Amino acid sequence: MDRLREVNVVYEDKDWLVIDKPYDCRIQDDPQLTDPSVRSLLRVQRPDLPKLRNVHQLDYATSGLYLFALNKKTAAEASRMFRERTVKKTYLAIVKGHLCEDKYVVNQPIDDDPDHSFRMKLASTGKPAETLVHVLQRGVYHYQEEKTGEKKEVKVTKVSLSPITGRRHQLRLHMKYLGHPILGDYNYEEDYTDTFRMMLHAYQIQLPSLLDLTTEDPFIGLIEQ
């Protein structure tokens, strides 16, 4: 857990605190668990901060940009922009296999999965969900299984994902729908790749006239041609 000793602050002003969230780390505290959360780390690292207000979501296993509003006015404005879908977000992912085309538009509605309290599912009864997919790189990923230590390799594609809507687990389900699940996704990759993390990263976020931020790409050097 050495990597969870400190949170990387990407941007800060009187209205915003923007972090690069570590993978496998919760935003909120959980009294049932002892491992650190983003909030618990920030309380130690930055005890001077005012109240941190959540304005969006980021999955436990996903790394990347996460916004905290530092006052009520900013939180209300950000919530409105997310609700009206004027916020633009771009994610990077490494997915299993080589995608045939360079661009895809996925329109598949998403609903709760009654058989799994945590998972979602694609279903006609669900809410509309749309994702733009752009291929960035195709190649091979060499890795060592976390459980067995066995060295393996798998064909992969690095993609840029732009969610038009913001449904829970949308990117993970839409890539599975294309037949190319996100590598290391324990919940949706049926033939699970036991690598060190789920390969999904919130890379860029744009709030018109307010913020336009990008992080470093954590997947550089992981794929061989």
Protein backbone atom coordinates (compact mmCIF):
# COMPACT_ATOMS: atom_id res chain seq x y z
CA MET A 1 0.00 0.00 0.00
CA ASP A 2 3.05 2.32 -0.29
CA ARG A 3 1.56 3.93 -3.40
CA LEU A 4 -1.42 5.09 -1.29
CA ARG A 5 0.58 7.33 1.02
CA GLU A 6 -0.17 10.56 -0.82
CA VAL A 7 -2.66 11.96 -3.34
CA ASN A 8 -1.32 13.82 -6.37
CA VAL A 9 -2.97 17.25 -6.60
CA VAL A 10 -3.25 18.27 -10.26
CA TYR A 11 -4.89 21.68 -9.83
CA GLU A 12 -6.08 23.91 -6.99
CA ASP A 13 -7.65 27.32 -6.61
CA LYS A 14 -10.27 28.93 -4.34
CA ASP A 15 -13.06 26.91 -6.00
CA TRP A 16 -11.52 23.56 -6.95
CA LEU A 17 -9.26 20.78 -5.80
CA VAL A 18 -8.48 18.37 -8.63
CA ILE A 19 -6.57 15.16 -7.94
CA ASP A 20 -5.16 12.26 -9.92
CA LYS A 21 -6.91 9.44 -8.02
CA PRO A 22 -4.86 6.26 -7.51
CA TYR A 23 -6.31 3.02 -8.84
CA ASP A 24 -7.91 0.65 -6.30
CA CYS A 25 -8.73 3.49 -3.93
CA ARG A 26 -12.12 4.72 -2.71
CA ILE A 27 -13.10 8.38 -2.72
CA GLN A 28 -15.20 8.13 0.46
CA ASP A 29 -14.32 6.73 3.86
CA ASP A 30 -15.76 3.35 4.82
CA PRO A 31 -15.92 2.58 8.55
CA GLN A 32 -15.98 -1.14 7.73
CA LEU A 33 -12.53 -0.97 6.07
CA THR A 34 -9.05 0.05 7.24
CA ASP A 35 -7.36 0.76 3.90
CA PRO A 36 -6.97 4.46 3.06
CA SER A 37 -9.47 6.47 1.01
CA VAL A 38 -8.84 9.66 -0.94
CA ARG A 39 -10.52 11.63 1.84
CA SER A 40 -8.49 10.02 4.63
CA LEU A 41 -5.24 10.62 2.74
CA LEU A 42 -6.12 14.26 2.10
CA ARG A 43 -7.02 14.86 5.76
CA VAL A 44 -3.43 13.99 6.67
CA GLN A 45 -1.78 15.53 3.63
CA ARG A 46 -3.82 18.76 3.56
CA PRO A 47 -5.48 19.48 6.92
CA ASP A 48 -5.91 23.11 5.79
CA LEU A 49 -8.51 22.26 3.16
CA PRO A 50 -12.12 23.38 3.56
CA LYS A 51 -15.03 20.97 3.16
CA LEU A 52 -14.61 18.82 0.03
CA ARG A 53 -17.81 18.56 -2.00
CA ASN A 54 -18.35 15.68 -4.43
CA VAL A 55 -19.75 16.60 -7.85
CA HIS A 56 -19.24 13.34 -9.80
CA GLN A 57 -18.19 9.70 -9.49
CA LEU A 58 -15.11 7.59 -10.20
CA ASP A 59 -14.98 3.84 -9.65
CA TYR A 60 -12.73 2.29 -7.01
CA ALA A 61 -10.56 0.53 -9.61
CA THR A 62 -10.32 3.51 -11.98
CA SER A 63 -7.51 6.02 -11.69
CA GLY A 64 -7.36 9.60 -12.92
CA LEU A 65 -8.90 13.04 -12.65
CA TYR A 66 -11.41 13.65 -9.88
CA LEU A 67 -12.89 17.00 -8.94
CA PHE A 68 -13.78 18.34 -5.51
CA ALA A 69 -15.66 21.62 -5.26
CA LEU A 70 -14.51 23.80 -2.36
CA ASN A 71 -17.70 25.81 -1.86
CA LYS A 72 -21.46 25.54 -2.38
CA LYS A 73 -21.60 27.85 -5.40
CA THR A 74 -18.97 25.89 -7.33
CA ALA A 75 -20.57 22.57 -6.38
CA ALA A 76 -23.97 23.73 -7.64
CA GLU A 77 -22.53 24.99 -10.93
CA ALA A 78 -20.56 21.78 -11.50
CA SER A 79 -23.56 19.59 -10.67
CA ARG A 80 -25.64 21.54 -13.20
CA MET A 81 -23.01 21.06 -15.91
CA PHE A 82 -22.78 17.33 -15.27
CA ARG A 83 -26.57 17.08 -15.26
CA GLU A 84 -26.85 18.99 -18.55
CA ARG A 85 -23.99 16.93 -20.08
CA THR A 86 -21.84 19.91 -20.97
CA VAL A 87 -18.85 18.36 -19.20
CA LYS A 88 -16.53 16.51 -21.57
CA LYS A 89 -14.54 13.58 -20.24
CA THR A 90 -11.96 11.39 -21.94
CA TYR A 91 -10.66 8.11 -20.57
CA LEU A 92 -7.76 5.90 -21.62
CA ALA A 93 -8.11 2.13 -21.49
CA ILE A 94 -6.26 -1.00 -22.51
CA VAL A 95 -8.72 -3.60 -23.76
CA LYS A 96 -8.36 -7.25 -24.66
CA GLY A 97 -7.77 -8.15 -28.30
CA HIS A 98 -7.30 -6.06 -31.42
CA LEU A 99 -10.30 -3.96 -32.46
CA CYS A 100 -11.02 -4.27 -36.18
CA GLU A 101 -12.07 -0.67 -36.80
CA ASP A 102 -10.43 2.55 -35.62
CA LYS A 103 -13.65 4.25 -34.46
CA TYR A 104 -16.88 3.04 -32.88
CA VAL A 105 -20.05 4.61 -31.51
CA VAL A 106 -21.74 2.39 -28.91
CA ASN A 107 -25.40 3.04 -28.06
CA GLN A 108 -26.54 0.46 -25.53
CA PRO A 109 -28.86 1.20 -22.57
CA ILE A 110 -27.72 0.28 -19.06
CA ASP A 111 -29.79 -0.98 -16.14
CA ASP A 112 -29.25 -2.46 -12.68
CA ASP A 113 -28.38 -6.16 -12.59
CA PRO A 114 -30.86 -7.81 -10.19
CA ASP A 115 -28.53 -10.81 -9.84
CA HIS A 116 -25.54 -8.76 -8.63
CA SER A 117 -25.80 -5.85 -6.21
CA PHE A 118 -22.59 -4.26 -7.52
CA ARG A 119 -22.82 -4.92 -11.26
CA MET A 120 -24.84 -3.25 -13.99
CA LYS A 121 -26.03 -4.81 -17.26
CA LEU A 122 -27.01 -3.90 -20.81
CA ALA A 123 -30.79 -4.07 -21.13
CA SER A 124 -33.52 -2.48 -23.24
CA THR A 125 -35.21 -1.48 -19.97
CA GLY A 126 -32.21 0.63 -18.97
CA LYS A 127 -31.28 4.27 -19.41
CA PRO A 128 -29.76 5.42 -22.73
CA ALA A 129 -25.96 5.27 -22.81
CA GLU A 130 -23.56 6.36 -25.56
CA THR A 131 -19.77 6.05 -25.82
CA LEU A 132 -17.32 7.13 -28.52
CA VAL A 133 -14.34 4.81 -28.99
CA HIS A 134 -11.10 5.73 -30.81
CA VAL A 135 -8.22 3.30 -31.27
CA LEU A 136 -4.80 4.68 -30.28
CA GLN A 137 -2.51 1.65 -30.44
CA ARG A 138 -2.55 -2.09 -31.06
CA GLY A 139 0.04 -4.47 -29.71
CA VAL A 140 0.91 -7.06 -27.05
CA TYR A 141 0.88 -6.73 -23.27
CA HIS A 142 3.34 -8.87 -21.29
CA TYR A 143 2.49 -9.39 -17.63
CA GLN A 144 3.01 -11.59 -14.60
CA GLU A 145 -0.10 -13.03 -12.99
CA GLU A 146 -0.68 -11.59 -9.53
CA LYS A 147 -1.84 -14.91 -8.07
CA THR A 148 0.48 -17.47 -9.71
CA GLY A 149 3.48 -15.38 -10.78
CA GLU A 150 3.25 -16.98 -14.21
CA LYS A 151 4.45 -14.83 -17.11
CA LYS A 152 1.89 -14.34 -19.88
CA GLU A 153 1.11 -12.18 -22.87
CA VAL A 154 -2.12 -11.03 -24.49
CA LYS A 155 -3.04 -9.05 -27.60
CA VAL A 156 -4.42 -5.65 -26.59
CA THR A 157 -5.65 -2.32 -27.93
CA LYS A 158 -5.22 1.05 -26.28
CA VAL A 159 -8.30 3.22 -26.77
CA SER A 160 -9.63 6.66 -26.01
CA LEU A 161 -13.16 6.56 -24.58
CA SER A 162 -15.53 9.53 -24.52
CA PRO A 163 -18.78 8.93 -22.61
CA ILE A 164 -21.62 11.09 -23.93
CA THR A 165 -23.78 9.93 -21.04
CA GLY A 166 -22.58 9.08 -17.53
CA ARG A 167 -24.08 5.75 -16.52
CA ARG A 168 -22.49 3.61 -13.84
CA HIS A 169 -19.92 1.20 -15.33
CA GLN A 170 -20.78 2.52 -18.81
CA LEU A 171 -17.32 2.27 -20.36
CA ARG A 172 -16.70 -1.16 -18.90
CA LEU A 173 -20.00 -2.54 -20.22
CA HIS A 174 -19.71 -0.91 -23.64
CA MET A 175 -16.24 -2.33 -24.24
CA LYS A 176 -17.47 -5.75 -23.16
CA TYR A 177 -20.34 -5.33 -25.64
CA LEU A 178 -17.79 -4.79 -28.43
CA GLY A 179 -16.12 -8.05 -27.41
CA HIS A 180 -13.06 -6.25 -26.05
CA PRO A 181 -13.41 -5.92 -22.26
CA ILE A 182 -11.10 -3.67 -20.28
CA LEU A 183 -8.03 -5.57 -19.14
CA GLY A 184 -8.07 -6.49 -15.46
CA ASP A 185 -11.80 -5.78 -15.02
CA TYR A 186 -12.74 -8.38 -12.42
CA ASN A 187 -16.47 -7.80 -12.79
CA TYR A 188 -16.91 -7.76 -16.56
CA GLU A 189 -13.92 -9.53 -18.13
CA GLU A 190 -15.13 -13.13 -18.31
CA ASP A 191 -11.68 -14.62 -19.00
CA TYR A 192 -10.07 -12.48 -16.31
CA THR A 193 -6.59 -11.07 -16.91
CA ASP A 194 -4.92 -11.23 -13.48
CA THR A 195 -2.70 -8.18 -13.87
CA PHE A 196 -1.81 -5.50 -11.31
CA ARG A 197 -4.76 -3.19 -12.01
CA MET A 198 -7.84 -2.52 -14.12
CA MET A 199 -6.61 -0.60 -17.15
CA LEU A 200 -8.98 2.37 -17.08
CA HIS A 201 -7.87 5.96 -16.44
CA ALA A 202 -9.76 9.27 -16.38
CA TYR A 203 -7.37 11.21 -18.61
CA GLN A 204 -9.02 14.56 -19.42
CA ILE A 205 -11.93 16.66 -18.16
CA GLN A 206 -13.35 19.88 -19.57
CA LEU A 207 -15.91 22.14 -17.89
CA PRO A 208 -16.63 24.95 -20.37
CA SER A 209 -15.13 28.28 -19.25
CA LEU A 210 -14.06 26.74 -15.93
CA LEU A 211 -11.54 23.89 -16.24
CA ASP A 212 -9.61 22.02 -18.91
CA LEU A 213 -7.23 19.51 -17.35
CA THR A 214 -5.22 16.50 -18.48
CA THR A 215 -3.16 13.97 -16.54
CA GLU A 216 -0.15 11.91 -17.53
CA ASP A 217 -0.86 8.67 -19.39
CA PRO A 218 -0.21 5.80 -16.91
CA PHE A 219 -0.16 3.20 -19.68
CA ILE A 220 2.89 4.48 -21.59
CA GLY A 221 5.36 1.65 -22.15
CA LEU A 222 2.97 -1.17 -21.28
CA ILE A 223 2.23 -2.20 -24.87
CA GLU A 224 4.75 -3.65 -27.32
CA GLN A 225 4.15 -3.46 -31.05
